[in-house]
Structures are given as structure tokens and as C-alpha cells.
C-alpha atoms as a PDB file:
ATOM      1  CA  UNK A   1     -21.655  -7.005   2.940  1.00  0.00           C
ATOM      2  CA  UNK A   2     -18.418  -7.660   1.062  1.00  0.00           C
ATOM      3  CA  UNK A   3     -17.869  -3.945   0.501  1.00  0.00           C
ATOM      4  CA  UNK A   4     -17.881  -3.435   4.255  1.00  0.00           C
ATOM      5  CA  UNK A   5     -14.949  -5.824   4.760  1.00  0.00           C
ATOM      6  CA  UNK A   6     -13.132  -5.110   1.480  1.00  0.00           C
ATOM      7  CA  UNK A   7     -11.395  -2.131   3.040  1.00  0.00           C
ATOM      8  CA  UNK A   8      -9.846  -4.411   5.663  1.00  0.00           C
ATOM      9  CA  UNK A   9      -9.156  -7.438   3.483  1.00  0.00           C
ATOM     10  CA  UNK A  10      -7.629  -5.695   0.458  1.00  0.00           C
ATOM     11  CA  UNK A  11      -4.573  -4.148   2.189  1.00  0.00           C
ATOM     12  CA  UNK A  12      -3.803  -7.393   4.019  1.00  0.00           C
ATOM     13  CA  UNK A  13      -4.113  -9.403   0.817  1.00  0.00           C
ATOM     14  CA  UNK A  14      -1.927  -6.949  -1.102  1.00  0.00           C
ATOM     15  CA  UNK A  15       0.677  -7.058   1.645  1.00  0.00           C
ATOM     16  CA  UNK A  16       0.852 -10.845   1.634  1.00  0.00           C
ATOM     17  CA  UNK A  17       0.970 -11.032  -2.175  1.00  0.00           C
ATOM     18  CA  UNK A  18       3.643  -8.340  -2.340  1.00  0.00           C
ATOM     19  CA  UNK A  19       5.853 -10.007   0.234  1.00  0.00           C
ATOM     20  CA  UNK A  20       5.521 -13.382  -1.459  1.00  0.00           C
ATOM     21  CA  UNK A  21       6.236 -11.928  -4.906  1.00  0.00           C
ATOM     22  CA  UNK A  22       9.266  -9.967  -3.737  1.00  0.00           C
ATOM     23  CA  UNK A  23      10.886 -12.754  -1.722  1.00  0.00           C
ATOM     24  CA  UNK A  24      10.200 -15.724  -3.987  1.00  0.00           C
ATOM     25  CA  UNK A  25      12.225 -16.153  -7.171  1.00  0.00           C
ATOM     26  CA  UNK A  26       9.387 -15.303  -9.537  1.00  0.00           C
ATOM     27  CA  UNK A  27       9.437 -13.312 -12.727  1.00  0.00           C
ATOM     28  CA  UNK A  28      11.112  -9.895 -12.398  1.00  0.00           C
ATOM     29  CA  UNK A  29       7.928  -8.334 -13.778  1.00  0.00           C
ATOM     30  CA  UNK A  30       5.878  -9.681 -10.866  1.00  0.00           C
ATOM     31  CA  UNK A  31       8.541  -8.552  -8.433  1.00  0.00           C
ATOM     32  CA  UNK A  32       8.468  -5.039  -9.882  1.00  0.00           C
ATOM     33  CA  UNK A  33       4.667  -4.789  -9.857  1.00  0.00           C
ATOM     34  CA  UNK A  34       4.167  -6.106  -6.349  1.00  0.00           C
ATOM     35  CA  UNK A  35       7.214  -4.260  -5.026  1.00  0.00           C
ATOM     36  CA  UNK A  36       5.725  -1.027  -6.315  1.00  0.00           C
ATOM     37  CA  UNK A  37       2.437  -1.840  -4.612  1.00  0.00           C
ATOM     38  CA  UNK A  38       4.282  -2.643  -1.406  1.00  0.00           C
ATOM     39  CA  UNK A  39       6.216   0.631  -1.412  1.00  0.00           C
ATOM     40  CA  UNK A  40       3.855   3.156  -2.973  1.00  0.00           C
ATOM     41  CA  UNK A  41       0.362   2.143  -1.924  1.00  0.00           C
ATOM     42  CA  UNK A  42       0.274   0.176   1.319  1.00  0.00           C
ATOM     43  CA  UNK A  43       1.979   2.636   3.715  1.00  0.00           C
ATOM     44  CA  UNK A  44      -0.354   5.449   2.679  1.00  0.00           C
ATOM     45  CA  UNK A  45      -3.382   3.154   2.731  1.00  0.00           C
ATOM     46  CA  UNK A  46      -2.543   2.159   6.294  1.00  0.00           C
ATOM     47  CA  UNK A  47      -2.057   5.795   7.337  1.00  0.00           C
ATOM     48  CA  UNK A  48      -5.478   6.630   5.891  1.00  0.00           C
ATOM     49  CA  UNK A  49      -6.956   3.707   7.838  1.00  0.00           C
ATOM     50  CA  UNK A  50      -5.313   4.938  11.040  1.00  0.00           C
ATOM     51  CA  UNK A  51      -6.690   8.442  10.446  1.00  0.00           C
ATOM     52  CA  UNK A  52     -10.118   6.883   9.777  1.00  0.00           C
ATOM     53  CA  UNK A  53     -10.728   8.585   6.439  1.00  0.00           C
ATOM     54  CA  UNK A  54     -13.172   5.869   5.393  1.00  0.00           C
ATOM     55  CA  UNK A  55     -15.651   8.212   3.759  1.00  0.00           C
ATOM     56  CA  UNK A  56     -13.401   8.863   0.740  1.00  0.00           C
ATOM     57  CA  UNK A  57     -14.142   7.074  -2.502  1.00  0.00           C
ATOM     58  CA  UNK A  58     -11.683   4.558  -3.937  1.00  0.00           C
ATOM     59  CA  UNK A  59      -9.925   6.876  -6.414  1.00  0.00           C
ATOM     60  CA  UNK A  60      -9.302   9.650  -3.876  1.00  0.00           C
ATOM     61  CA  UNK A  61      -8.079   7.138  -1.314  1.00  0.00           C
ATOM     62  CA  UNK A  62      -5.729   5.611  -3.902  1.00  0.00           C
ATOM     63  CA  UNK A  63      -4.288   9.001  -4.902  1.00  0.00           C
ATOM     64  CA  UNK A  64      -3.894  10.070  -1.278  1.00  0.00           C
ATOM     65  CA  UNK A  65      -2.266   6.764  -0.367  1.00  0.00           C
ATOM     66  CA  UNK A  66       0.320   7.144  -3.138  1.00  0.00           C
ATOM     67  CA  UNK A  67       1.112  10.692  -1.997  1.00  0.00           C
ATOM     68  CA  UNK A  68       1.304   9.785   1.666  1.00  0.00           C
ATOM     69  CA  UNK A  69       3.411   6.703   0.886  1.00  0.00           C
ATOM     70  CA  UNK A  70       5.843   8.833  -1.079  1.00  0.00           C
ATOM     71  CA  UNK A  71       6.094  11.280   1.818  1.00  0.00           C
ATOM     72  CA  UNK A  72       6.602   8.442   4.309  1.00  0.00           C
ATOM     73  CA  UNK A  73       9.329   6.867   2.160  1.00  0.00           C
ATOM     74  CA  UNK A  74      11.094  10.212   1.722  1.00  0.00           C
ATOM     75  CA  UNK A  75      10.826  10.975   5.442  1.00  0.00           C
ATOM     76  CA  UNK A  76      12.127   7.555   6.377  1.00  0.00           C
ATOM     77  CA  UNK A  77      15.061   7.984   3.999  1.00  0.00           C
ATOM     78  CA  UNK A  78      15.758  11.389   5.504  1.00  0.00           C
ATOM     79  CA  UNK A  79      15.790   9.909   9.018  1.00  0.00           C
ATOM     80  CA  UNK A  80      18.066   7.078   7.966  1.00  0.00           C
ATOM     81  CA  UNK A  81      20.499   9.500   6.356  1.00  0.00           C
END
């Protein structure tokens, strides 16, 4: 039962924790860890959710989310430039 909703709860929880850790004056180590999660995992994870690739196991989804997040960040930087 929990596994069914973990895919929806985990990205939202990571997003909230990342935003809190980045904006609050916490330890720089926490800011670096959660900032990395915010930039390099969540955008790709959300793209995979939009594309409905739910049948992938956790490791493949994590690797794909890092790659897609990197591409999204690079594309966004290219558009801003």
C-alpha cells in the first residue's frame, strides 16, 4: 500500500525539504545536499512522472532523472543566455 503512494509522496517531500534547507540559515552541508537534490533529481523525476514511466525500477528512474535534470538545467541556461 505504501509503495503505491511512495512515488507521489517522495518527490513532494524532497521538494519541501530542499526548499526549507536552501532558504533557512542551516548548515552549509545541508544546503549543499538538499540543493543538489533540488537541482539534479527533482526536475527529471517530475518529467518521468509526466511521461508516465512508472514501470521502471528505482535505480533506473534515479539515473534517468539525473540525466534528464541535467539536460533540463542546460537547456534552461541556454534559453536564458
